All heavy atoms as atom14 arrays in JSON, in Angstrom:
{
  "sequence": "IIKIKQKPLIYYSIKIAKQIVNRKNIYISTDSKKIKKIAKINGVNIIE",
  "atom14_mask": [
    [1, 1, 1, 1, 1, 1, 1, 1, 0, 0, 0, 0, 0, 0],
    [1, 1, 1, 1, 1, 1, 1, 1, 0, 0, 0, 0, 0, 0],
    [1, 1, 1, 1, 1, 1, 1, 1, 1, 0, 0, 0, 0, 0],
    [1, 1, 1, 1, 1, 1, 1, 1, 0, 0, 0, 0, 0, 0],
    [1, 1, 1, 1, 1, 1, 1, 1, 1, 0, 0, 0, 0, 0],
    [1, 1, 1, 1, 1, 1, 1, 1, 1, 0, 0, 0, 0, 0],
    [1, 1, 1, 1, 1, 1, 1, 1, 1, 0, 0, 0, 0, 0],
    [1, 1, 1, 1, 1, 1, 1, 0, 0, 0, 0, 0, 0, 0],
    [1, 1, 1, 1, 1, 1, 1, 1, 0, 0, 0, 0, 0, 0],
    [1, 1, 1, 1, 1, 1, 1, 1, 0, 0, 0, 0, 0, 0],
    [1, 1, 1, 1, 1, 1, 1, 1, 1, 1, 1, 1, 0, 0],
    [1, 1, 1, 1, 1, 1, 1, 1, 1, 1, 1, 1, 0, 0],
    [1, 1, 1, 1, 1, 1, 0, 0, 0, 0, 0, 0, 0, 0],
    [1, 1, 1, 1, 1, 1, 1, 1, 0, 0, 0, 0, 0, 0],
    [1, 1, 1, 1, 1, 1, 1, 1, 1, 0, 0, 0, 0, 0],
    [1, 1, 1, 1, 1, 1, 1, 1, 0, 0, 0, 0, 0, 0],
    [1, 1, 1, 1, 1, 0, 0, 0, 0, 0, 0, 0, 0, 0],
    [1, 1, 1, 1, 1, 1, 1, 1, 1, 0, 0, 0, 0, 0],
    [1, 1, 1, 1, 1, 1, 1, 1, 1, 0, 0, 0, 0, 0],
    [1, 1, 1, 1, 1, 1, 1, 1, 0, 0, 0, 0, 0, 0],
    [1, 1, 1, 1, 1, 1, 1, 0, 0, 0, 0, 0, 0, 0],
    [1, 1, 1, 1, 1, 1, 1, 1, 0, 0, 0, 0, 0, 0],
    [1, 1, 1, 1, 1, 1, 1, 1, 1, 1, 1, 0, 0, 0],
    [1, 1, 1, 1, 1, 1, 1, 1, 1, 0, 0, 0, 0, 0],
    [1, 1, 1, 1, 1, 1, 1, 1, 0, 0, 0, 0, 0, 0],
    [1, 1, 1, 1, 1, 1, 1, 1, 0, 0, 0, 0, 0, 0],
    [1, 1, 1, 1, 1, 1, 1, 1, 1, 1, 1, 1, 0, 0],
    [1, 1, 1, 1, 1, 1, 1, 1, 0, 0, 0, 0, 0, 0],
    [1, 1, 1, 1, 1, 1, 0, 0, 0, 0, 0, 0, 0, 0],
    [1, 1, 1, 1, 1, 1, 1, 0, 0, 0, 0, 0, 0, 0],
    [1, 1, 1, 1, 1, 1, 1, 1, 0, 0, 0, 0, 0, 0],
    [1, 1, 1, 1, 1, 1, 0, 0, 0, 0, 0, 0, 0, 0],
    [1, 1, 1, 1, 1, 1, 1, 1, 1, 0, 0, 0, 0, 0],
    [1, 1, 1, 1, 1, 1, 1, 1, 1, 0, 0, 0, 0, 0],
    [1, 1, 1, 1, 1, 1, 1, 1, 0, 0, 0, 0, 0, 0],
    [1, 1, 1, 1, 1, 1, 1, 1, 1, 0, 0, 0, 0, 0],
    [1, 1, 1, 1, 1, 1, 1, 1, 1, 0, 0, 0, 0, 0],
    [1, 1, 1, 1, 1, 1, 1, 1, 0, 0, 0, 0, 0, 0],
    [1, 1, 1, 1, 1, 0, 0, 0, 0, 0, 0, 0, 0, 0],
    [1, 1, 1, 1, 1, 1, 1, 1, 1, 0, 0, 0, 0, 0],
    [1, 1, 1, 1, 1, 1, 1, 1, 0, 0, 0, 0, 0, 0],
    [1, 1, 1, 1, 1, 1, 1, 1, 0, 0, 0, 0, 0, 0],
    [1, 1, 1, 1, 0, 0, 0, 0, 0, 0, 0, 0, 0, 0],
    [1, 1, 1, 1, 1, 1, 1, 0, 0, 0, 0, 0, 0, 0],
    [1, 1, 1, 1, 1, 1, 1, 1, 0, 0, 0, 0, 0, 0],
    [1, 1, 1, 1, 1, 1, 1, 1, 0, 0, 0, 0, 0, 0],
    [1, 1, 1, 1, 1, 1, 1, 1, 0, 0, 0, 0, 0, 0],
    [1, 1, 1, 1, 1, 1, 1, 1, 1, 0, 0, 0, 0, 0]
  ],
  "atom14_positions": [
    [[-53.32, -128.52, 36.17], [-52.59, -129.55, 36.91], [-51.59, -128.95, 37.91], [-50.81, -129.69, 38.51], [-51.9, -130.54, 35.95], [-50.95, -129.83, 34.99], [-52.94, -131.35, 35.2], [-50.12, -130.79, 34.13], [0.0, 0.0, 0.0], [0.0, 0.0, 0.0], [0.0, 0.0, 0.0], [0.0, 0.0, 0.0], [0.0, 0.0, 0.0], [0.0, 0.0, 0.0]],
    [[-51.63, -127.65, 38.1], [-50.78, -127.03, 39.12], [-51.16, -127.6, 40.48], [-52.34, -127.78, 40.77], [-50.94, -125.49, 39.11], [-50.26, -124.92, 37.87], [-50.39, -124.86, 40.37], [-50.43, -123.43, 37.71], [0.0, 0.0, 0.0], [0.0, 0.0, 0.0], [0.0, 0.0, 0.0], [0.0, 0.0, 0.0], [0.0, 0.0, 0.0], [0.0, 0.0, 0.0]],
    [[-50.17, -127.9, 41.29], [-50.42, -128.51, 42.6], [-50.86, -127.47, 43.63], [-50.25, -126.41, 43.76], [-49.17, -129.22, 43.12], [-48.68, -130.34, 42.22], [-49.32, -131.64, 42.55], [-48.9, -132.72, 41.58], [-48.22, -133.82, 42.15], [0.0, 0.0, 0.0], [0.0, 0.0, 0.0], [0.0, 0.0, 0.0], [0.0, 0.0, 0.0], [0.0, 0.0, 0.0]],
    [[-51.93, -127.8, 44.33], [-52.41, -127.04, 45.47], [-52.56, -128.06, 46.6], [-53.33, -129.03, 46.45], [-53.75, -126.34, 45.18], [-53.56, -125.33, 44.05], [-54.3, -125.69, 46.43], [-54.82, -124.63, 43.61], [0.0, 0.0, 0.0], [0.0, 0.0, 0.0], [0.0, 0.0, 0.0], [0.0, 0.0, 0.0], [0.0, 0.0, 0.0], [0.0, 0.0, 0.0]],
    [[-51.83, -127.87, 47.67], [-51.81, -128.85, 48.77], [-51.49, -130.25, 48.25], [-52.19, -131.21, 48.54], [-53.12, -128.84, 49.54], [-53.36, -127.57, 50.32], [-54.57, -127.72, 51.21], [-54.7, -126.53, 52.11], [-55.81, -126.68, 53.07], [0.0, 0.0, 0.0], [0.0, 0.0, 0.0], [0.0, 0.0, 0.0], [0.0, 0.0, 0.0], [0.0, 0.0, 0.0]],
    [[-50.48, -130.35, 47.43], [-49.97, -131.6, 46.86], [-50.94, -132.32, 45.92], [-50.73, -133.48, 45.57], [-49.52, -132.6, 47.96], [-48.28, -132.18, 48.73], [-48.56, -131.13, 49.77], [-49.52, -131.24, 50.53], [-47.73, -130.1, 49.83], [0.0, 0.0, 0.0], [0.0, 0.0, 0.0], [0.0, 0.0, 0.0], [0.0, 0.0, 0.0], [0.0, 0.0, 0.0]],
    [[-52.01, -131.65, 45.5], [-52.97, -132.26, 44.56], [-53.11, -131.34, 43.34], [-53.11, -130.12, 43.47], [-54.36, -132.4, 45.2], [-54.39, -133.29, 46.43], [-54.29, -134.74, 46.06], [-54.45, -135.61, 47.29], [-54.26, -137.0, 47.0], [0.0, 0.0, 0.0], [0.0, 0.0, 0.0], [0.0, 0.0, 0.0], [0.0, 0.0, 0.0], [0.0, 0.0, 0.0]],
    [[-53.26, -131.93, 42.14], [-53.47, -131.08, 40.96], [-54.81, -130.34, 41.06], [-55.77, -130.87, 41.62], [-53.46, -132.06, 39.8], [-53.67, -133.4, 40.39], [-53.25, -133.34, 41.82], [0.0, 0.0, 0.0], [0.0, 0.0, 0.0], [0.0, 0.0, 0.0], [0.0, 0.0, 0.0], [0.0, 0.0, 0.0], [0.0, 0.0, 0.0], [0.0, 0.0, 0.0]],
    [[-54.85, -129.14, 40.55], [-56.06, -128.3, 40.63], [-57.32, -129.05, 40.19], [-58.36, -128.97, 40.86], [-55.87, -127.04, 39.8], [-56.99, -126.01, 39.8], [-57.27, -125.52, 41.22], [-56.62, -124.84, 38.9], [0.0, 0.0, 0.0], [0.0, 0.0, 0.0], [0.0, 0.0, 0.0], [0.0, 0.0, 0.0], [0.0, 0.0, 0.0], [0.0, 0.0, 0.0]],
    [[-57.24, -129.8, 39.13], [-58.42, -130.52, 38.61], [-58.94, -131.56, 39.61], [-60.13, -131.89, 39.6], [-58.11, -131.17, 37.25], [-59.41, -131.62, 36.57], [-57.12, -132.3, 37.38], [-59.24, -132.03, 35.13], [0.0, 0.0, 0.0], [0.0, 0.0, 0.0], [0.0, 0.0, 0.0], [0.0, 0.0, 0.0], [0.0, 0.0, 0.0], [0.0, 0.0, 0.0]],
    [[-58.09, -132.04, 40.48], [-58.49, -133.04, 41.49], [-59.68, -132.55, 42.32], [-60.57, -133.32, 42.66], [-57.31, -133.36, 42.41], [-57.71, -134.06, 43.68], [-57.96, -135.43, 43.7], [-57.89, -133.35, 44.86], [-58.35, -136.07, 44.86], [-58.28, -133.97, 46.03], [-58.51, -135.33, 46.04], [-58.91, -135.95, 47.18], [0.0, 0.0, 0.0], [0.0, 0.0, 0.0]],
    [[-59.69, -131.26, 42.65], [-60.74, -130.74, 43.53], [-62.12, -130.76, 42.86], [-63.12, -131.0, 43.53], [-60.35, -129.34, 44.03], [-59.1, -129.43, 44.86], [-57.84, -129.18, 44.32], [-59.15, -129.86, 46.18], [-56.68, -129.31, 45.07], [-58.0, -130.01, 46.95], [-56.77, -129.73, 46.38], [-55.63, -129.89, 47.13], [0.0, 0.0, 0.0], [0.0, 0.0, 0.0]],
    [[-62.17, -130.6, 41.56], [-63.44, -130.74, 40.85], [-63.86, -132.21, 40.79], [-65.04, -132.53, 40.95], [-63.33, -130.16, 39.43], [-63.18, -128.77, 39.49], [0.0, 0.0, 0.0], [0.0, 0.0, 0.0], [0.0, 0.0, 0.0], [0.0, 0.0, 0.0], [0.0, 0.0, 0.0], [0.0, 0.0, 0.0], [0.0, 0.0, 0.0], [0.0, 0.0, 0.0]],
    [[-62.9, -133.09, 40.58], [-63.21, -134.53, 40.58], [-63.73, -134.96, 41.94], [-64.71, -135.69, 42.04], [-61.95, -135.35, 40.19], [-61.52, -135.03, 38.76], [-62.21, -136.85, 40.37], [-60.15, -135.6, 38.39], [0.0, 0.0, 0.0], [0.0, 0.0, 0.0], [0.0, 0.0, 0.0], [0.0, 0.0, 0.0], [0.0, 0.0, 0.0], [0.0, 0.0, 0.0]],
    [[-63.1, -134.47, 42.99], [-63.5, -134.83, 44.35], [-64.95, -134.42, 44.63], [-65.74, -135.21, 45.16], [-62.55, -134.14, 45.35], [-62.86, -134.43, 46.79], [-61.88, -133.68, 47.69], [-62.28, -133.8, 49.14], [-61.4, -133.0, 50.02], [0.0, 0.0, 0.0], [0.0, 0.0, 0.0], [0.0, 0.0, 0.0], [0.0, 0.0, 0.0], [0.0, 0.0, 0.0]],
    [[-65.32, -133.2, 44.26], [-66.7, -132.73, 44.46], [-67.67, -133.59, 43.63], [-68.72, -134.0, 44.11], [-66.85, -131.24, 44.09], [-66.08, -130.36, 45.07], [-68.31, -130.83, 44.01], [-66.62, -130.32, 46.48], [0.0, 0.0, 0.0], [0.0, 0.0, 0.0], [0.0, 0.0, 0.0], [0.0, 0.0, 0.0], [0.0, 0.0, 0.0], [0.0, 0.0, 0.0]],
    [[-67.31, -133.85, 42.38], [-68.18, -134.65, 41.51], [-68.44, -136.03, 42.11], [-69.57, -136.52, 42.1], [-67.55, -134.79, 40.13], [0.0, 0.0, 0.0], [0.0, 0.0, 0.0], [0.0, 0.0, 0.0], [0.0, 0.0, 0.0], [0.0, 0.0, 0.0], [0.0, 0.0, 0.0], [0.0, 0.0, 0.0], [0.0, 0.0, 0.0], [0.0, 0.0, 0.0]],
    [[-67.41, -136.65, 42.69], [-67.56, -137.98, 43.3], [-68.47, -137.95, 44.52], [-69.07, -138.97, 44.87], [-66.2, -138.53, 43.71], [-65.36, -139.02, 42.56], [-64.03, -139.54, 43.11], [-63.18, -140.17, 42.08], [-61.9, -140.65, 42.67], [0.0, 0.0, 0.0], [0.0, 0.0, 0.0], [0.0, 0.0, 0.0], [0.0, 0.0, 0.0], [0.0, 0.0, 0.0]],
    [[-68.59, -136.8, 45.15], [-69.49, -136.68, 46.31], [-70.95, -136.61, 45.89], [-71.85, -136.78, 46.7], [-69.13, -135.44, 47.13], [-67.8, -135.53, 47.83], [-67.4, -134.22, 48.49], [-68.2, -133.3, 48.64], [-66.15, -134.12, 48.88], [0.0, 0.0, 0.0], [0.0, 0.0, 0.0], [0.0, 0.0, 0.0], [0.0, 0.0, 0.0], [0.0, 0.0, 0.0]],
    [[-71.18, -136.37, 44.6], [-72.54, -136.16, 44.11], [-73.04, -137.34, 43.28], [-74.18, -137.78, 43.44], [-72.61, -134.85, 43.3], [-72.24, -133.68, 44.21], [-74.0, -134.65, 42.68], [-71.96, -132.4, 43.49], [0.0, 0.0, 0.0], [0.0, 0.0, 0.0], [0.0, 0.0, 0.0], [0.0, 0.0, 0.0], [0.0, 0.0, 0.0], [0.0, 0.0, 0.0]],
    [[-72.21, -137.85, 42.39], [-72.61, -138.96, 41.51], [-71.55, -140.05, 41.52], [-70.42, -139.85, 41.94], [-72.84, -138.48, 40.04], [-73.96, -137.47, 39.95], [-71.56, -137.93, 39.43], [0.0, 0.0, 0.0], [0.0, 0.0, 0.0], [0.0, 0.0, 0.0], [0.0, 0.0, 0.0], [0.0, 0.0, 0.0], [0.0, 0.0, 0.0], [0.0, 0.0, 0.0]],
    [[-71.94, -141.21, 41.0], [-71.04, -142.33, 40.83], [-69.97, -141.97, 39.8], [-70.25, -141.24, 38.85], [-71.86, -143.54, 40.37], [-71.06, -144.79, 40.28], [-70.15, -144.91, 39.46], [-71.4, -145.75, 41.12], [0.0, 0.0, 0.0], [0.0, 0.0, 0.0], [0.0, 0.0, 0.0], [0.0, 0.0, 0.0], [0.0, 0.0, 0.0], [0.0, 0.0, 0.0]],
    [[-68.78, -142.52, 39.95], [-67.67, -142.24, 39.02], [-68.05, -142.46, 37.56], [-67.53, -141.79, 36.67], [-66.5, -143.16, 39.31], [-65.82, -142.93, 40.57], [-64.83, -144.05, 40.82], [-64.65, -144.14, 42.24], [-63.5, -144.29, 42.82], [-62.42, -144.42, 42.12], [-63.42, -144.33, 44.13], [0.0, 0.0, 0.0], [0.0, 0.0, 0.0], [0.0, 0.0, 0.0]],
    [[-68.92, -143.43, 37.31], [-69.29, -143.73, 35.91], [-70.06, -142.57, 35.27], [-70.22, -142.53, 34.06], [-70.1, -145.02, 35.83], [-71.48, -144.92, 36.43], [-72.25, -146.22, 36.3], [-73.62, -146.0, 36.9], [-74.6, -146.93, 36.49], [0.0, 0.0, 0.0], [0.0, 0.0, 0.0], [0.0, 0.0, 0.0], [0.0, 0.0, 0.0], [0.0, 0.0, 0.0]],
    [[-70.5, -141.62, 36.08], [-71.23, -140.46, 35.57], [-70.4, -139.18, 35.57], [-70.93, -138.09, 35.47], [-72.51, -140.25, 36.39], [-73.5, -141.37, 36.17], [-73.69, -141.82, 35.05], [-74.1, -141.85, 37.23], [0.0, 0.0, 0.0], [0.0, 0.0, 0.0], [0.0, 0.0, 0.0], [0.0, 0.0, 0.0], [0.0, 0.0, 0.0], [0.0, 0.0, 0.0]],
    [[-69.08, -139.34, 35.67], [-68.16, -138.21, 35.66], [-67.26, -138.33, 34.43], [-66.67, -139.38, 34.19], [-67.29, -138.16, 36.94], [-68.18, -138.1, 38.19], [-66.33, -136.97, 36.89], [-67.43, -138.32, 39.49], [0.0, 0.0, 0.0], [0.0, 0.0, 0.0], [0.0, 0.0, 0.0], [0.0, 0.0, 0.0], [0.0, 0.0, 0.0], [0.0, 0.0, 0.0]],
    [[-67.14, -137.23, 33.69], [-66.37, -137.21, 32.45], [-65.42, -136.02, 32.44], [-65.83, -134.9, 32.75], [-67.3, -137.09, 31.24], [-68.21, -138.27, 31.09], [-69.4, -138.35, 31.81], [-67.87, -139.33, 30.27], [-70.23, -139.45, 31.71], [-68.7, -140.44, 30.16], [-69.87, -140.49, 30.88], [-70.68, -141.58, 30.78], [0.0, 0.0, 0.0], [0.0, 0.0, 0.0]],
    [[-64.19, -136.29, 32.03], [-63.24, -135.2, 31.82], [-62.98, -135.12, 30.33], [-62.56, -136.09, 29.7], [-61.93, -135.44, 32.59], [-62.21, -135.36, 34.08], [-60.87, -134.41, 32.17], [-61.0, -135.54, 34.97], [0.0, 0.0, 0.0], [0.0, 0.0, 0.0], [0.0, 0.0, 0.0], [0.0, 0.0, 0.0], [0.0, 0.0, 0.0], [0.0, 0.0, 0.0]],
    [[-63.25, -133.95, 29.77], [-63.0, -133.69, 28.36], [-61.65, -132.98, 28.27], [-61.49, -131.88, 28.79], [-64.11, -132.81, 27.79], [-63.75, -132.35, 26.49], [0.0, 0.0, 0.0], [0.0, 0.0, 0.0], [0.0, 0.0, 0.0], [0.0, 0.0, 0.0], [0.0, 0.0, 0.0], [0.0, 0.0, 0.0], [0.0, 0.0, 0.0], [0.0, 0.0, 0.0]],
    [[-60.7, -133.63, 27.59], [-59.36, -133.05, 27.52], [-58.59, -133.54, 26.3], [-58.92, -134.56, 25.71], [-58.55, -133.37, 28.8], [-57.34, -132.6, 28.79], [-58.25, -134.85, 28.92], [0.0, 0.0, 0.0], [0.0, 0.0, 0.0], [0.0, 0.0, 0.0], [0.0, 0.0, 0.0], [0.0, 0.0, 0.0], [0.0, 0.0, 0.0], [0.0, 0.0, 0.0]],
    [[-57.56, -132.79, 25.98], [-56.61, -133.17, 24.94], [-55.24, -133.49, 25.56], [-54.32, -133.87, 24.86], [-56.45, -132.02, 23.94], [-55.85, -130.78, 24.61], [-56.26, -130.46, 25.75], [-55.0, -130.13, 24.0], [0.0, 0.0, 0.0], [0.0, 0.0, 0.0], [0.0, 0.0, 0.0], [0.0, 0.0, 0.0], [0.0, 0.0, 0.0], [0.0, 0.0, 0.0]],
    [[-55.12, -133.37, 26.86], [-53.84, -133.47, 27.57], [-53.58, -134.88, 28.11], [-54.41, -135.46, 28.82], [-53.83, -132.48, 28.74], [-52.81, -132.77, 29.66], [0.0, 0.0, 0.0], [0.0, 0.0, 0.0], [0.0, 0.0, 0.0], [0.0, 0.0, 0.0], [0.0, 0.0, 0.0], [0.0, 0.0, 0.0], [0.0, 0.0, 0.0], [0.0, 0.0, 0.0]],
    [[-52.39, -135.41, 27.83], [-52.0, -136.72, 28.36], [-51.9, -136.68, 29.88], [-52.29, -137.64, 30.56], [-50.66, -137.16, 27.77], [-50.73, -137.53, 26.31], [-49.38, -137.94, 25.77], [-49.48, -138.22, 24.27], [-48.18, -138.55, 23.7], [0.0, 0.0, 0.0], [0.0, 0.0, 0.0], [0.0, 0.0, 0.0], [0.0, 0.0, 0.0], [0.0, 0.0, 0.0]],
    [[-51.4, -135.59, 30.43], [-51.26, -135.48, 31.88], [-52.62, -135.44, 32.57], [-52.82, -136.07, 33.61], [-50.45, -134.23, 32.24], [-49.0, -134.34, 31.84], [-48.24, -133.07, 32.17], [-46.79, -133.21, 31.73], [-46.02, -131.99, 32.0], [0.0, 0.0, 0.0], [0.0, 0.0, 0.0], [0.0, 0.0, 0.0], [0.0, 0.0, 0.0], [0.0, 0.0, 0.0]],
    [[-53.57, -134.73, 31.98], [-54.92, -134.67, 32.57], [-55.61, -136.02, 32.42], [-56.3, -136.47, 33.34], [-55.74, -133.52, 31.95], [-55.1, -132.17, 32.35], [-57.2, -133.58, 32.38], [-55.69, -130.96, 31.66], [0.0, 0.0, 0.0], [0.0, 0.0, 0.0], [0.0, 0.0, 0.0], [0.0, 0.0, 0.0], [0.0, 0.0, 0.0], [0.0, 0.0, 0.0]],
    [[-55.41, -136.71, 31.31], [-55.97, -138.05, 31.14], [-55.44, -139.0, 32.2], [-56.18, -139.82, 32.75], [-55.63, -138.6, 29.74], [-56.38, -137.92, 28.62], [-55.91, -138.44, 27.28], [-56.4, -137.55, 26.16], [-55.83, -137.94, 24.86], [0.0, 0.0, 0.0], [0.0, 0.0, 0.0], [0.0, 0.0, 0.0], [0.0, 0.0, 0.0], [0.0, 0.0, 0.0]],
    [[-54.17, -138.87, 32.52], [-53.57, -139.72, 33.56], [-54.23, -139.46, 34.91], [-54.55, -140.39, 35.65], [-52.06, -139.46, 33.64], [-51.35, -140.35, 34.62], [-49.85, -140.1, 34.6], [-49.16, -140.99, 35.63], [-47.73, -140.74, 35.68], [0.0, 0.0, 0.0], [0.0, 0.0, 0.0], [0.0, 0.0, 0.0], [0.0, 0.0, 0.0], [0.0, 0.0, 0.0]],
    [[-54.48, -138.2, 35.23], [-55.16, -137.85, 36.49], [-56.57, -138.42, 36.5], [-57.03, -138.95, 37.52], [-55.16, -136.32, 36.69], [-53.73, -135.82, 36.9], [-56.05, -135.91, 37.87], [-53.56, -134.31, 36.78], [0.0, 0.0, 0.0], [0.0, 0.0, 0.0], [0.0, 0.0, 0.0], [0.0, 0.0, 0.0], [0.0, 0.0, 0.0], [0.0, 0.0, 0.0]],
    [[-57.26, -138.35, 35.37], [-58.61, -138.92, 35.26], [-58.58, -140.42, 35.53], [-59.41, -140.95, 36.28], [-59.2, -138.62, 33.89], [0.0, 0.0, 0.0], [0.0, 0.0, 0.0], [0.0, 0.0, 0.0], [0.0, 0.0, 0.0], [0.0, 0.0, 0.0], [0.0, 0.0, 0.0], [0.0, 0.0, 0.0], [0.0, 0.0, 0.0], [0.0, 0.0, 0.0]],
    [[-57.63, -141.12, 34.93], [-57.52, -142.57, 35.11], [-57.23, -142.91, 36.57], [-57.84, -143.83, 37.13], [-56.43, -143.14, 34.2], [-56.84, -143.21, 32.76], [-55.74, -143.78, 31.89], [-56.14, -143.74, 30.43], [-55.07, -144.19, 29.54], [0.0, 0.0, 0.0], [0.0, 0.0, 0.0], [0.0, 0.0, 0.0], [0.0, 0.0, 0.0], [0.0, 0.0, 0.0]],
    [[-56.31, -142.18, 37.18], [-55.96, -142.43, 38.59], [-57.2, -142.28, 39.48], [-57.38, -143.02, 40.44], [-54.84, -141.46, 39.05], [-53.51, -141.86, 38.41], [-54.73, -141.42, 40.57], [-52.42, -140.83, 38.55], [0.0, 0.0, 0.0], [0.0, 0.0, 0.0], [0.0, 0.0, 0.0], [0.0, 0.0, 0.0], [0.0, 0.0, 0.0], [0.0, 0.0, 0.0]],
    [[-58.07, -141.34, 39.13], [-59.27, -141.07, 39.92], [-60.48, -141.87, 39.47], [-61.57, -141.7, 40.03], [-59.56, -139.57, 39.9], [-58.61, -138.82, 40.79], [-58.79, -138.78, 42.0], [-57.56, -138.25, 40.21], [0.0, 0.0, 0.0], [0.0, 0.0, 0.0], [0.0, 0.0, 0.0], [0.0, 0.0, 0.0], [0.0, 0.0, 0.0], [0.0, 0.0, 0.0]],
    [[-60.32, -142.72, 38.48], [-61.38, -143.64, 38.08], [-62.56, -142.99, 37.38], [-63.68, -143.51, 37.46], [0.0, 0.0, 0.0], [0.0, 0.0, 0.0], [0.0, 0.0, 0.0], [0.0, 0.0, 0.0], [0.0, 0.0, 0.0], [0.0, 0.0, 0.0], [0.0, 0.0, 0.0], [0.0, 0.0, 0.0], [0.0, 0.0, 0.0], [0.0, 0.0, 0.0]],
    [[-62.32, -141.87, 36.68], [-63.42, -141.22, 35.96], [-63.21, -141.37, 34.46], [-62.12, -141.7, 34.0], [-63.56, -139.73, 36.38], [-63.89, -139.63, 37.86], [-62.34, -138.92, 36.04], [0.0, 0.0, 0.0], [0.0, 0.0, 0.0], [0.0, 0.0, 0.0], [0.0, 0.0, 0.0], [0.0, 0.0, 0.0], [0.0, 0.0, 0.0], [0.0, 0.0, 0.0]],
    [[-64.26, -141.12, 33.71], [-64.25, -141.29, 32.27], [-63.5, -140.16, 31.57], [-63.47, -139.03, 32.05], [-65.68, -141.31, 31.73], [-66.48, -142.44, 32.32], [-66.2, -143.6, 32.07], [-67.47, -142.11, 33.13], [0.0, 0.0, 0.0], [0.0, 0.0, 0.0], [0.0, 0.0, 0.0], [0.0, 0.0, 0.0], [0.0, 0.0, 0.0], [0.0, 0.0, 0.0]],
    [[-62.96, -140.5, 30.4], [-62.24, -139.52, 29.6], [-62.95, -139.36, 28.27], [-63.33, -140.34, 27.63], [-60.8, -139.98, 29.34], [-60.05, -140.12, 30.67], [-60.07, -139.03, 28.39], [-58.74, -140.87, 30.56], [0.0, 0.0, 0.0], [0.0, 0.0, 0.0], [0.0, 0.0, 0.0], [0.0, 0.0, 0.0], [0.0, 0.0, 0.0], [0.0, 0.0, 0.0]],
    [[-63.12, -138.12, 27.87], [-63.61, -137.8, 26.53], [-62.44, -137.16, 25.8], [-61.9, -136.15, 26.24], [-64.82, -136.84, 26.56], [-66.01, -137.53, 27.23], [-65.17, -136.37, 25.15], [-67.21, -136.63, 27.42], [0.0, 0.0, 0.0], [0.0, 0.0, 0.0], [0.0, 0.0, 0.0], [0.0, 0.0, 0.0], [0.0, 0.0, 0.0], [0.0, 0.0, 0.0]],
    [[-62.04, -137.79, 24.69], [-60.94, -137.27, 23.89], [-61.39, -136.0, 23.18], [-62.23, -136.06, 22.28], [-60.51, -138.31, 22.85], [-60.0, -139.6, 23.44], [-58.56, -139.51, 23.93], [-57.84, -138.57, 23.51], [-58.18, -140.38, 24.71], [0.0, 0.0, 0.0], [0.0, 0.0, 0.0], [0.0, 0.0, 0.0], [0.0, 0.0, 0.0], [0.0, 0.0, 0.0]]
  ]
}
């Protein structure tokens, strides 16, 4: 979640994934509340 150009690092992987598949086919597997929040903001699925 370190910011690069004002975006968290994980954002760039989400961005590429959205260019390839629909959001409903993107999953973030995490244990972190902060990463879950980023996933929700970007409209992708969360795997606990």
